[in-house]
Every structure is written in structure tokens, then in C-alpha cells.
Amino acid sequence: MTDKPTRRDLFKPVQLLGLALAAAVFAGVVVLISMGFFQDRFSGQGQHALVIGLIAAGITFVVTLVVIALLVLVVDPAQVTKTIDGPVLLTKDAQKAEKNDADSGADAP
């Protein structure tokens, strides 16, 4: 057996669903509050606000779930346990050149 964590170990499906559900509930509540669901100004307003809130919550749930799933696909499980000892966005050659400059004292005034 390998000691490398799998994607499933890194991001459990229940956690992904929970995060998407939390975002959907938040969006639904924001829509309900902004549309005046808790204030009864005229007849039918509450029902209309509830329908729009459920639609917004559903859209938010699906979009959040798809975005998080796509971001999980980007993660390489082997890179999670690896120690990074330098800038992340520099290439290996640039890291070596920067290290050589620092060792030789080239950037000292």
C-alpha cells in the first residue's frame, strides 16, 4: 500500500456537499431578507420571495459544487505531503538562480 493520500482522503464528498449546502443556505437567506420575506407588505409577496430564494439557493448549490469539484481536480495528492522550500510560482531554474545569487551575495549593496 502507498502512503500517498488520495483525492477522496483530501476532500471527502460529504465535506464538499456540506460546503455547497452552506453557501446555498446563505444565498437563500440573503435573497429572502433582501426581498422582504419577513415583512408582509402586500398579499403574495412572501410566496414570490420564497420561490426566488429557493431558485437562488439551488443555483448557488450547483455552481458551488461544480467549482469546488473542479478545484479538487487540480490538486495533485502527491504534492500535498511534499515540503516546499521556496517560492511556489518560480520554476526550478529560477529558484536555483535565486539561491546562487543569495549564496554569492550578489544582491547585497
PDB file of N, CA and C in Angstrom:
ATOM      1  N   MET A   1       0.836  -1.191   0.000  1.00  0.00           N
ATOM      2  CA  MET A   1       0.000   0.000   0.000  1.00  0.00           C
ATOM      3  C   MET A   1       0.875   1.247   0.000  1.00  0.00           C
ATOM      4  N   THR A   2       0.359   2.282  -0.593  1.00  0.00           N
ATOM      5  CA  THR A   2       1.098   3.536  -0.626  1.00  0.00           C
ATOM      6  C   THR A   2       0.635   4.438   0.504  1.00  0.00           C
ATOM      7  N   ASP A   3       1.527   5.321   0.904  1.00  0.00           N
ATOM      8  CA  ASP A   3       1.204   6.274   1.963  1.00  0.00           C
ATOM      9  C   ASP A   3       0.656   7.580   1.409  1.00  0.00           C
ATOM     10  N   LYS A   4       0.570   7.677   0.086  1.00  0.00           N
ATOM     11  CA  LYS A   4       0.085   8.918  -0.515  1.00  0.00           C
ATOM     12  C   LYS A   4      -1.414   9.067  -0.266  1.00  0.00           C
ATOM     13  N   PRO A   5      -1.833  10.251   0.132  1.00  0.00           N
ATOM     14  CA  PRO A   5      -3.284  10.458   0.304  1.00  0.00           C
ATOM     15  C   PRO A   5      -3.962  10.547  -1.055  1.00  0.00           C
ATOM     16  N   THR A   6      -5.146  10.047  -1.116  1.00  0.00           N
ATOM     17  CA  THR A   6      -5.921  10.136  -2.347  1.00  0.00           C
ATOM     18  C   THR A   6      -6.755  11.412  -2.320  1.00  0.00           C
ATOM     19  N   ARG A   7      -7.340  11.723  -3.469  1.00  0.00           N
ATOM     20  CA  ARG A   7      -8.212  12.897  -3.518  1.00  0.00           C
ATOM     21  C   ARG A   7      -9.385  12.729  -2.569  1.00  0.00           C
ATOM     22  N   ARG A   8      -9.863  11.493  -2.479  1.00  0.00           N
ATOM     23  CA  ARG A   8     -11.001  11.243  -1.596  1.00  0.00           C
ATOM     24  C   ARG A   8     -10.616  11.498  -0.150  1.00  0.00           C
ATOM     25  N   ASP A   9      -9.352  11.179   0.222  1.00  0.00           N
ATOM     26  CA  ASP A   9      -8.908  11.462   1.581  1.00  0.00           C
ATOM     27  C   ASP A   9      -8.781  12.958   1.826  1.00  0.00           C
ATOM     28  N   LEU A  10      -8.356  13.688   0.798  1.00  0.00           N
ATOM     29  CA  LEU A  10      -8.156  15.122   0.958  1.00  0.00           C
ATOM     30  C   LEU A  10      -9.480  15.867   1.077  1.00  0.00           C
ATOM     31  N   PHE A  11     -10.396  15.560   0.218  1.00  0.00           N
ATOM     32  CA  PHE A  11     -11.681  16.257   0.188  1.00  0.00           C
ATOM     33  C   PHE A  11     -12.787  15.229   0.144  1.00  0.00           C
ATOM     34  N   LYS A  12     -13.340  14.932   1.263  1.00  0.00           N
ATOM     35  CA  LYS A  12     -14.406  13.944   1.337  1.00  0.00           C
ATOM     36  C   LYS A  12     -15.670  14.516   0.692  1.00  0.00           C
ATOM     37  N   PRO A  13     -16.423  13.670  -0.002  1.00  0.00           N
ATOM     38  CA  PRO A  13     -17.623  14.167  -0.684  1.00  0.00           C
ATOM     39  C   PRO A  13     -18.621  14.827   0.264  1.00  0.00           C
ATOM     40  N   VAL A  14     -18.710  14.328   1.486  1.00  0.00           N
ATOM     41  CA  VAL A  14     -19.645  14.928   2.439  1.00  0.00           C
ATOM     42  C   VAL A  14     -19.226  16.357   2.763  1.00  0.00           C
ATOM     43  N   GLN A  15     -17.931  16.606   2.843  1.00  0.00           N
ATOM     44  CA  GLN A  15     -17.445  17.958   3.108  1.00  0.00           C
ATOM     45  C   GLN A  15     -17.774  18.885   1.939  1.00  0.00           C
ATOM     46  N   LEU A  16     -17.617  18.387   0.712  1.00  0.00           N
ATOM     47  CA  LEU A  16     -17.938  19.196  -0.462  1.00  0.00           C
ATOM     48  C   LEU A  16     -19.426  19.534  -0.490  1.00  0.00           C
ATOM     49  N   LEU A  17     -20.257  18.531  -0.222  1.00  0.00           N
ATOM     50  CA  LEU A  17     -21.699  18.775  -0.199  1.00  0.00           C
ATOM     51  C   LEU A  17     -22.087  19.722   0.929  1.00  0.00           C
ATOM     52  N   GLY A  18     -21.440  19.580   2.079  1.00  0.00           N
ATOM     53  CA  GLY A  18     -21.730  20.462   3.208  1.00  0.00           C
ATOM     54  C   GLY A  18     -21.365  21.904   2.920  1.00  0.00           C
ATOM     55  N   LEU A  19     -20.216  22.110   2.288  1.00  0.00           N
ATOM     56  CA  LEU A  19     -19.804  23.469   1.943  1.00  0.00           C
ATOM     57  C   LEU A  19     -20.750  24.085   0.912  1.00  0.00           C
ATOM     58  N   ALA A  20     -21.137  23.294  -0.085  1.00  0.00           N
ATOM     59  CA  ALA A  20     -22.079  23.789  -1.093  1.00  0.00           C
ATOM     60  C   ALA A  20     -23.441  24.078  -0.469  1.00  0.00           C
ATOM     61  N   LEU A  21     -23.865  23.237   0.465  1.00  0.00           N
ATOM     62  CA  LEU A  21     -25.144  23.457   1.135  1.00  0.00           C
ATOM     63  C   LEU A  21     -25.108  24.719   1.987  1.00  0.00           C
ATOM     64  N   ALA A  22     -23.997  24.935   2.679  1.00  0.00           N
ATOM     65  CA  ALA A  22     -23.868  26.148   3.498  1.00  0.00           C
ATOM     66  C   ALA A  22     -23.916  27.401   2.626  1.00  0.00           C
ATOM     67  N   ALA A  23     -23.246  27.373   1.482  1.00  0.00           N
ATOM     68  CA  ALA A  23     -23.275  28.523   0.571  1.00  0.00           C
ATOM     69  C   ALA A  23     -24.686  28.742   0.029  1.00  0.00           C
ATOM     70  N   ALA A  24     -25.402  27.652  -0.265  1.00  0.00           N
ATOM     71  CA  ALA A  24     -26.763  27.771  -0.790  1.00  0.00           C
ATOM     72  C   ALA A  24     -27.713  28.339   0.253  1.00  0.00           C
ATOM     73  N   VAL A  25     -27.588  27.877   1.487  1.00  0.00           N
ATOM     74  CA  VAL A  25     -28.446  28.404   2.550  1.00  0.00           C
ATOM     75  C   VAL A  25     -28.169  29.886   2.768  1.00  0.00           C
ATOM     76  N   PHE A  26     -26.905  30.263   2.755  1.00  0.00           N
ATOM     77  CA  PHE A  26     -26.549  31.674   2.914  1.00  0.00           C
ATOM     78  C   PHE A  26     -27.154  32.517   1.799  1.00  0.00           C
ATOM     79  N   ALA A  27     -27.012  32.062   0.562  1.00  0.00           N
ATOM     80  CA  ALA A  27     -27.567  32.821  -0.565  1.00  0.00           C
ATOM     81  C   ALA A  27     -29.087  32.900  -0.478  1.00  0.00           C
ATOM     82  N   GLY A  28     -29.725  31.805  -0.091  1.00  0.00           N
ATOM     83  CA  GLY A  28     -31.177  31.806   0.041  1.00  0.00           C
ATOM     84  C   GLY A  28     -31.665  32.773   1.101  1.00  0.00           C
ATOM     85  N   VAL A  29     -30.988  32.792   2.240  1.00  0.00           N
ATOM     86  CA  VAL A  29     -31.380  33.697   3.324  1.00  0.00           C
ATOM     87  C   VAL A  29     -31.166  35.154   2.914  1.00  0.00           C
ATOM     88  N   VAL A  30     -30.055  35.432   2.237  1.00  0.00           N
ATOM     89  CA  VAL A  30     -29.794  36.800   1.786  1.00  0.00           C
ATOM     90  C   VAL A  30     -30.886  37.260   0.819  1.00  0.00           C
ATOM     91  N   VAL A  31     -31.291  36.376  -0.097  1.00  0.00           N
ATOM     92  CA  VAL A  31     -32.345  36.742  -1.052  1.00  0.00           C
ATOM     93  C   VAL A  31     -33.668  36.953  -0.319  1.00  0.00           C
ATOM     94  N   LEU A  32     -33.978  36.075   0.633  1.00  0.00           N
ATOM     95  CA  LEU A  32     -35.230  36.226   1.379  1.00  0.00           C
ATOM     96  C   LEU A  32     -35.269  37.539   2.149  1.00  0.00           C
ATOM     97  N   ILE A  33     -34.181  37.876   2.789  1.00  0.00           N
ATOM     98  CA  ILE A  33     -34.136  39.123   3.554  1.00  0.00           C
ATOM     99  C   ILE A  33     -34.221  40.329   2.621  1.00  0.00           C
ATOM    100  N   SER A  34     -33.495  40.271   1.513  1.00  0.00           N
ATOM    101  CA  SER A  34     -33.480  41.427   0.618  1.00  0.00           C
ATOM    102  C   SER A  34     -34.807  41.616  -0.118  1.00  0.00           C
ATOM    103  N   MET A  35     -35.581  40.528  -0.279  1.00  0.00           N
ATOM    104  CA  MET A  35     -36.873  40.655  -0.964  1.00  0.00           C
ATOM    105  C   MET A  35     -38.024  40.903   0.000  1.00  0.00           C
ATOM    106  N   GLY A  36     -37.725  41.017   1.279  1.00  0.00           N
ATOM    107  CA  GLY A  36     -38.755  41.355   2.244  1.00  0.00           C
ATOM    108  C   GLY A  36     -39.658  40.205   2.621  1.00  0.00           C
ATOM    109  N   PHE A  37     -39.113  38.997   2.693  1.00  0.00           N
ATOM    110  CA  PHE A  37     -39.909  37.824   3.053  1.00  0.00           C
ATOM    111  C   PHE A  37     -40.473  37.938   4.463  1.00  0.00           C
ATOM    112  N   PHE A  38     -39.732  38.557   5.336  1.00  0.00           N
ATOM    113  CA  PHE A  38     -40.137  38.655   6.735  1.00  0.00           C
ATOM    114  C   PHE A  38     -41.002  39.892   7.010  1.00  0.00           C
ATOM    115  N   GLN A  39     -41.339  40.647   5.964  1.00  0.00           N
ATOM    116  CA  GLN A  39     -42.241  41.791   6.070  1.00  0.00           C
ATOM    117  C   GLN A  39     -43.404  41.538   5.122  1.00  0.00           C
ATOM    118  N   ASP A  40     -44.595  41.624   5.612  1.00  0.00           N
ATOM    119  CA  ASP A  40     -45.750  41.359   4.771  1.00  0.00           C
ATOM    120  C   ASP A  40     -46.357  42.684   4.326  1.00  0.00           C
ATOM    121  N   ARG A  41     -45.930  43.176   3.180  1.00  0.00           N
ATOM    122  CA  ARG A  41     -46.420  44.463   2.689  1.00  0.00           C
ATOM    123  C   ARG A  41     -47.653  44.298   1.822  1.00  0.00           C
ATOM    124  N   PHE A  42     -47.680  43.275   0.972  1.00  0.00           N
ATOM    125  CA  PHE A  42     -48.874  43.016   0.166  1.00  0.00           C
ATOM    126  C   PHE A  42     -49.040  41.516  -0.004  1.00  0.00           C
ATOM    127  N   SER A  43     -50.195  41.108  -0.388  1.00  0.00           N
ATOM    128  CA  SER A  43     -50.515  39.687  -0.488  1.00  0.00           C
ATOM    129  C   SER A  43     -49.716  39.037  -1.619  1.00  0.00           C
ATOM    130  N   GLY A  44     -49.152  37.877  -1.337  1.00  0.00           N
ATOM    131  CA  GLY A  44     -48.383  37.143  -2.337  1.00  0.00           C
ATOM    132  C   GLY A  44     -46.907  37.470  -2.346  1.00  0.00           C
ATOM    133  N   GLN A  45     -46.484  38.474  -1.603  1.00  0.00           N
ATOM    134  CA  GLN A  45     -45.068  38.853  -1.599  1.00  0.00           C
ATOM    135  C   GLN A  45     -44.211  37.758  -0.983  1.00  0.00           C
ATOM    136  N   GLY A  46     -44.694  37.167   0.106  1.00  0.00           N
ATOM    137  CA  GLY A  46     -43.921  36.129   0.778  1.00  0.00           C
ATOM    138  C   GLY A  46     -43.710  34.910  -0.094  1.00  0.00           C
ATOM    139  N   GLN A  47     -44.744  34.505  -0.818  1.00  0.00           N
ATOM    140  CA  GLN A  47     -44.630  33.337  -1.680  1.00  0.00           C
ATOM    141  C   GLN A  47     -43.657  33.606  -2.834  1.00  0.00           C
ATOM    142  N   HIS A  48     -43.743  34.785  -3.407  1.00  0.00           N
ATOM    143  CA  HIS A  48     -42.840  35.155  -4.507  1.00  0.00           C
ATOM    144  C   HIS A  48     -41.385  35.201  -4.014  1.00  0.00           C
ATOM    145  N   ALA A  49     -41.161  35.777  -2.849  1.00  0.00           N
ATOM    146  CA  ALA A  49     -39.809  35.854  -2.295  1.00  0.00           C
ATOM    147  C   ALA A  49     -39.278  34.462  -1.989  1.00  0.00           C
ATOM    148  N   LEU A  50     -40.141  33.575  -1.501  1.00  0.00           N
ATOM    149  CA  LEU A  50     -39.715  32.214  -1.193  1.00  0.00           C
ATOM    150  C   LEU A  50     -39.306  31.462  -2.454  1.00  0.00           C
ATOM    151  N   VAL A  51     -40.064  31.616  -3.519  1.00  0.00           N
ATOM    152  CA  VAL A  51     -39.725  30.953  -4.782  1.00  0.00           C
ATOM    153  C   VAL A  51     -38.394  31.465  -5.322  1.00  0.00           C
ATOM    154  N   ILE A  52     -38.222  32.762  -5.328  1.00  0.00           N
ATOM    155  CA  ILE A  52     -36.962  33.344  -5.817  1.00  0.00           C
ATOM    156  C   ILE A  52     -35.792  32.931  -4.923  1.00  0.00           C
ATOM    157  N   GLY A  53     -36.006  32.879  -3.613  1.00  0.00           N
ATOM    158  CA  GLY A  53     -34.956  32.451  -2.688  1.00  0.00           C
ATOM    159  C   GLY A  53     -34.549  31.008  -2.917  1.00  0.00           C
ATOM    160  N   LEU A  54     -35.532  30.128  -3.172  1.00  0.00           N
ATOM    161  CA  LEU A  54     -35.211  28.723  -3.448  1.00  0.00           C
ATOM    162  C   LEU A  54     -34.475  28.564  -4.771  1.00  0.00           C
ATOM    163  N   ILE A  55     -34.848  29.348  -5.752  1.00  0.00           N
ATOM    164  CA  ILE A  55     -34.141  29.307  -7.040  1.00  0.00           C
ATOM    165  C   ILE A  55     -32.698  29.769  -6.861  1.00  0.00           C
ATOM    166  N   ALA A  56     -32.499  30.861  -6.133  1.00  0.00           N
ATOM    167  CA  ALA A  56     -31.144  31.369  -5.893  1.00  0.00           C
ATOM    168  C   ALA A  56     -30.321  30.361  -5.099  1.00  0.00           C
ATOM    169  N   ALA A  57     -30.941  29.709  -4.111  1.00  0.00           N
ATOM    170  CA  ALA A  57     -30.229  28.705  -3.317  1.00  0.00           C
ATOM    171  C   ALA A  57     -29.839  27.504  -4.180  1.00  0.00           C
ATOM    172  N   GLY A  58     -30.736  27.081  -5.048  1.00  0.00           N
ATOM    173  CA  GLY A  58     -30.436  25.947  -5.924  1.00  0.00           C
ATOM    174  C   GLY A  58     -29.314  26.245  -6.896  1.00  0.00           C
ATOM    175  N   ILE A  59     -29.356  27.420  -7.490  1.00  0.00           N
ATOM    176  CA  ILE A  59     -28.295  27.810  -8.417  1.00  0.00           C
ATOM    177  C   ILE A  59     -26.956  27.909  -7.685  1.00  0.00           C
ATOM    178  N   THR A  60     -26.977  28.500  -6.512  1.00  0.00           N
ATOM    179  CA  THR A  60     -25.747  28.627  -5.734  1.00  0.00           C
ATOM    180  C   THR A  60     -25.200  27.265  -5.348  1.00  0.00           C
ATOM    181  N   PHE A  61     -26.074  26.339  -4.973  1.00  0.00           N
ATOM    182  CA  PHE A  61     -25.637  24.987  -4.603  1.00  0.00           C
ATOM    183  C   PHE A  61     -24.936  24.306  -5.771  1.00  0.00           C
ATOM    184  N   VAL A  62     -25.544  24.346  -6.941  1.00  0.00           N
ATOM    185  CA  VAL A  62     -24.975  23.668  -8.105  1.00  0.00           C
ATOM    186  C   VAL A  62     -23.666  24.318  -8.533  1.00  0.00           C
ATOM    187  N   VAL A  63     -23.644  25.641  -8.598  1.00  0.00           N
ATOM    188  CA  VAL A  63     -22.425  26.337  -9.037  1.00  0.00           C
ATOM    189  C   VAL A  63     -21.285  26.101  -8.042  1.00  0.00           C
ATOM    190  N   THR A  64     -21.566  26.174  -6.755  1.00  0.00           N
ATOM    191  CA  THR A  64     -20.538  25.947  -5.748  1.00  0.00           C
ATOM    192  C   THR A  64     -20.009  24.526  -5.828  1.00  0.00           C
ATOM    193  N   LEU A  65     -20.890  23.565  -5.999  1.00  0.00           N
ATOM    194  CA  LEU A  65     -20.470  22.170  -6.089  1.00  0.00           C
ATOM    195  C   LEU A  65     -19.584  21.929  -7.303  1.00  0.00           C
ATOM    196  N   VAL A  66     -19.936  22.504  -8.438  1.00  0.00           N
ATOM    197  CA  VAL A  66     -19.136  22.323  -9.657  1.00  0.00           C
ATOM    198  C   VAL A  66     -17.776  23.004  -9.521  1.00  0.00           C
ATOM    199  N   VAL A  67     -17.747  24.212  -8.982  1.00  0.00           N
ATOM    200  CA  VAL A  67     -16.478  24.938  -8.837  1.00  0.00           C
ATOM    201  C   VAL A  67     -15.546  24.209  -7.868  1.00  0.00           C
ATOM    202  N   ILE A  68     -16.062  23.756  -6.746  1.00  0.00           N
ATOM    203  CA  ILE A  68     -15.216  23.044  -5.777  1.00  0.00           C
ATOM    204  C   ILE A  68     -14.721  21.734  -6.368  1.00  0.00           C
ATOM    205  N   ALA A  69     -15.583  21.015  -7.106  1.00  0.00           N
ATOM    206  CA  ALA A  69     -15.159  19.760  -7.719  1.00  0.00           C
ATOM    207  C   ALA A  69     -14.052  19.996  -8.744  1.00  0.00           C
ATOM    208  N   LEU A  70     -14.160  21.072  -9.508  1.00  0.00           N
ATOM    209  CA  LEU A  70     -13.107  21.379 -10.470  1.00  0.00           C
ATOM    210  C   LEU A  70     -11.806  21.775  -9.773  1.00  0.00           C
ATOM    211  N   LEU A  71     -11.913  22.488  -8.661  1.00  0.00           N
ATOM    212  CA  LEU A  71     -10.702  22.848  -7.921  1.00  0.00           C
ATOM    213  C   LEU A  71     -10.042  21.626  -7.281  1.00  0.00           C
ATOM    214  N   VAL A  72     -10.831  20.636  -6.890  1.00  0.00           N
ATOM    215  CA  VAL A  72     -10.268  19.408  -6.323  1.00  0.00           C
ATOM    216  C   VAL A  72      -9.494  18.646  -7.385  1.00  0.00           C
ATOM    217  N   LEU A  73      -9.950  18.705  -8.627  1.00  0.00           N
ATOM    218  CA  LEU A  73      -9.246  18.018  -9.699  1.00  0.00           C
ATOM    219  C   LEU A  73      -7.864  18.603  -9.951  1.00  0.00           C
ATOM    220  N   VAL A  74      -7.656  19.844  -9.581  1.00  0.00           N
ATOM    221  CA  VAL A  74      -6.369  20.495  -9.795  1.00  0.00           C
ATOM    222  C   VAL A  74      -5.329  20.017  -8.788  1.00  0.00           C
ATOM    223  N   VAL A  75      -5.772  19.610  -7.604  1.00  0.00           N
ATOM    224  CA  VAL A  75      -4.855  19.224  -6.536  1.00  0.00           C
ATOM    225  C   VAL A  75      -4.214  17.892  -6.865  1.00  0.00           C
ATOM    226  N   ASP A  76      -2.890  17.860  -6.835  1.00  0.00           N
ATOM    227  CA  ASP A  76      -2.149  16.616  -7.010  1.00  0.00           C
ATOM    228  C   ASP A  76      -1.899  16.030  -5.628  1.00  0.00           C
ATOM    229  N   PRO A  77      -2.427  14.851  -5.330  1.00  0.00           N
ATOM    230  CA  PRO A  77      -2.277  14.298  -3.990  1.00  0.00           C
ATOM    231  C   PRO A  77      -0.827  14.105  -3.562  1.00  0.00           C
ATOM    232  N   ALA A  78       0.061  13.867  -4.505  1.00  0.00           N
ATOM    233  CA  ALA A  78       1.469  13.679  -4.158  1.00  0.00           C
ATOM    234  C   ALA A  78       2.109  14.993  -3.705  1.00  0.00           C
ATOM    235  N   GLN A  79       1.607  16.110  -4.187  1.00  0.00           N
ATOM    236  CA  GLN A  79       2.171  17.406  -3.835  1.00  0.00           C
ATOM    237  C   GLN A  79       1.726  17.905  -2.468  1.00  0.00           C
ATOM    238  N   VAL A  80       0.694  17.277  -1.895  1.00  0.00           N
ATOM    239  CA  VAL A  80       0.152  17.755  -0.629  1.00  0.00           C
ATOM    240  C   VAL A  80       1.125  17.504   0.514  1.00  0.00           C
ATOM    241  N   THR A  81       1.765  16.342   0.519  1.00  0.00           N
ATOM    242  CA  THR A  81       2.666  15.997   1.622  1.00  0.00           C
ATOM    243  C   THR A  81       4.089  16.481   1.382  1.00  0.00           C
ATOM    244  N   LYS A  82       4.387  16.951   0.187  1.00  0.00           N
ATOM    245  CA  LYS A  82       5.738  17.400  -0.141  1.00  0.00           C
ATOM    246  C   LYS A  82       6.014  18.762   0.488  1.00  0.00           C
ATOM    247  N   THR A  83       7.205  18.912   1.067  1.00  0.00           N
ATOM    248  CA  THR A  83       7.602  20.183   1.663  1.00  0.00           C
ATOM    249  C   THR A  83       8.112  21.120   0.581  1.00  0.00           C
ATOM    250  N   ILE A  84       7.609  22.328   0.569  1.00  0.00           N
ATOM    251  CA  ILE A  84       8.035  23.332  -0.412  1.00  0.00           C
ATOM    252  C   ILE A  84       9.001  24.266   0.292  1.00  0.00           C
ATOM    253  N   ASP A  85      10.192  24.375  -0.264  1.00  0.00           N
ATOM    254  CA  ASP A  85      11.231  25.154   0.388  1.00  0.00           C
ATOM    255  C   ASP A  85      11.638  26.345  -0.455  1.00  0.00           C
ATOM    256  N   GLY A  86      10.667  27.008  -1.019  1.00  0.00           N
ATOM    257  CA  GLY A  86      10.975  28.174  -1.844  1.00  0.00           C
ATOM    258  C   GLY A  86       9.697  28.771  -2.395  1.00  0.00           C
ATOM    259  N   PRO A  87       9.838  29.776  -3.244  1.00  0.00           N
ATOM    260  CA  PRO A  87       8.653  30.386  -3.839  1.00  0.00           C
ATOM    261  C   PRO A  87       7.884  29.385  -4.695  1.00  0.00           C
ATOM    262  N   VAL A  88       6.604  29.454  -4.657  1.00  0.00           N
ATOM    263  CA  VAL A  88       5.774  28.467  -5.332  1.00  0.00           C
ATOM    264  C   VAL A  88       5.691  28.729  -6.826  1.00  0.00           C
ATOM    265  N   LEU A  89       5.647  29.973  -7.246  1.00  0.00           N
ATOM    266  CA  LEU A  89       5.407  30.295  -8.647  1.00  0.00           C
ATOM    267  C   LEU A  89       6.671  30.353  -9.500  1.00  0.00           C
ATOM    268  N   LEU A  90       7.849  30.245  -8.896  1.00  0.00           N
ATOM    269  CA  LEU A  90       9.078  30.249  -9.673  1.00  0.00           C
ATOM    270  C   LEU A  90       9.391  28.857 -10.186  1.00  0.00           C
ATOM    271  N   THR A  91       9.997  28.784 -11.376  1.00  0.00           N
ATOM    272  CA  THR A  91      10.415  27.492 -11.908  1.00  0.00           C
ATOM    273  C   THR A  91      11.655  27.009 -11.173  1.00  0.00           C
ATOM    274  N   LYS A  92      12.004  25.768 -11.393  1.00  0.00           N
ATOM    275  CA  LYS A  92      13.179  25.189 -10.721  1.00  0.00           C
ATOM    276  C   LYS A  92      14.456  25.950 -11.092  1.00  0.00           C
ATOM    277  N   ASP A  93      14.595  26.332 -12.367  1.00  0.00           N
ATOM    278  CA  ASP A  93      15.792  27.072 -12.797  1.00  0.00           C
ATOM    279  C   ASP A  93      15.865  28.442 -12.126  1.00  0.00           C
ATOM    280  N   ALA A  94      14.738  29.119 -12.018  1.00  0.00           N
ATOM    281  CA  ALA A  94      14.715  30.427 -11.380  1.00  0.00           C
ATOM    282  C   ALA A  94      15.016  30.309  -9.888  1.00  0.00           C
ATOM    283  N   GLN A  95      14.552  29.215  -9.259  1.00  0.00           N
ATOM    284  CA  GLN A  95      14.849  29.004  -7.843  1.00  0.00           C
ATOM    285  C   GLN A  95      16.345  28.756  -7.640  1.00  0.00           C
ATOM    286  N   LYS A  96      16.960  27.983  -8.543  1.00  0.00           N
ATOM    287  CA  LYS A  96      18.403  27.715  -8.433  1.00  0.00           C
ATOM    288  C   LYS A  96      19.204  28.997  -8.640  1.00  0.00           C
ATOM    289  N   ALA A  97      18.791  29.802  -9.631  1.00  0.00           N
ATOM    290  CA  ALA A  97      19.497  31.055  -9.888  1.00  0.00           C
ATOM    291  C   ALA A  97      19.361  32.006  -8.704  1.00  0.00           C
ATOM    292  N   GLU A  98      18.177  32.056  -8.117  1.00  0.00           N
ATOM    293  CA  GLU A  98      17.966  32.921  -6.961  1.00  0.00           C
ATOM    294  C   GLU A  98      18.788  32.447  -5.766  1.00  0.00           C
ATOM    295  N   LYS A  99      18.870  31.144  -5.599  1.00  0.00           N
ATOM    296  CA  LYS A  99      19.653  30.588  -4.495  1.00  0.00           C
ATOM    297  C   LYS A  99      21.143  30.867  -4.697  1.00  0.00           C
ATOM    298  N   ASN A 100      21.615  30.739  -5.929  1.00  0.00           N
ATOM    299  CA  ASN A 100      23.033  31.024  -6.215  1.00  0.00           C
ATOM    300  C   ASN A 100      23.345  32.497  -5.998  1.00  0.00           C
ATOM    301  N   ASP A 101      22.415  33.384  -6.384  1.00  0.00           N
ATOM    302  CA  ASP A 101      22.622  34.816  -6.156  1.00  0.00           C
ATOM    303  C   ASP A 101      22.688  35.126  -4.664  1.00  0.00           C
ATOM    304  N   ALA A 102      21.823  34.466  -3.888  1.00  0.00           N
ATOM    305  CA  ALA A 102      21.797  34.710  -2.442  1.00  0.00           C
ATOM    306  C   ALA A 102      23.059  34.168  -1.788  1.00  0.00           C
ATOM    307  N   ASP A 103      23.561  33.039  -2.270  1.00  0.00           N
ATOM    308  CA  ASP A 103      24.767  32.440  -1.692  1.00  0.00           C
ATOM    309  C   ASP A 103      26.012  33.258  -2.015  1.00  0.00           C
ATOM    310  N   SER A 104      26.054  33.852  -3.223  1.00  0.00           N
ATOM    311  CA  SER A 104      27.233  34.611  -3.611  1.00  0.00           C
ATOM    312  C   SER A 104      27.195  36.049  -3.090  1.00  0.00           C
ATOM    313  N   GLY A 105      26.065  36.473  -2.576  1.00  0.00           N
ATOM    314  CA  GLY A 105      25.948  37.818  -2.038  1.00  0.00           C
ATOM    315  C   GLY A 105      25.805  38.864  -3.121  1.00  0.00           C
ATOM    316  N   ALA A 106      25.294  38.474  -4.289  1.00  0.00           N
ATOM    317  CA  ALA A 106      25.155  39.387  -5.407  1.00  0.00           C
ATOM    318  C   ALA A 106      24.130  40.479  -5.150  1.00  0.00           C
ATOM    319  N   ASP A 107      23.121  40.183  -4.345  1.00  0.00           N
ATOM    320  CA  ASP A 107      22.103  41.187  -4.133  1.00  0.00           C
ATOM    321  C   ASP A 107      22.414  42.086  -2.936  1.00  0.00           C
ATOM    322  N   ALA A 108      23.580  41.935  -2.321  1.00  0.00           N
ATOM    323  CA  ALA A 108      23.964  42.803  -1.206  1.00  0.00           C
ATOM    324  C   ALA A 108      24.468  44.125  -1.759  1.00  0.00           C
ATOM    325  N   PRO A 109      24.140  45.270  -1.146  1.00  0.00           N
ATOM    326  CA  PRO A 109      24.569  46.573  -1.675  1.00  0.00           C
ATOM    327  C   PRO A 109      26.028  46.843  -1.452  1.00  0.00           C
TER     328      PRO A 109
END
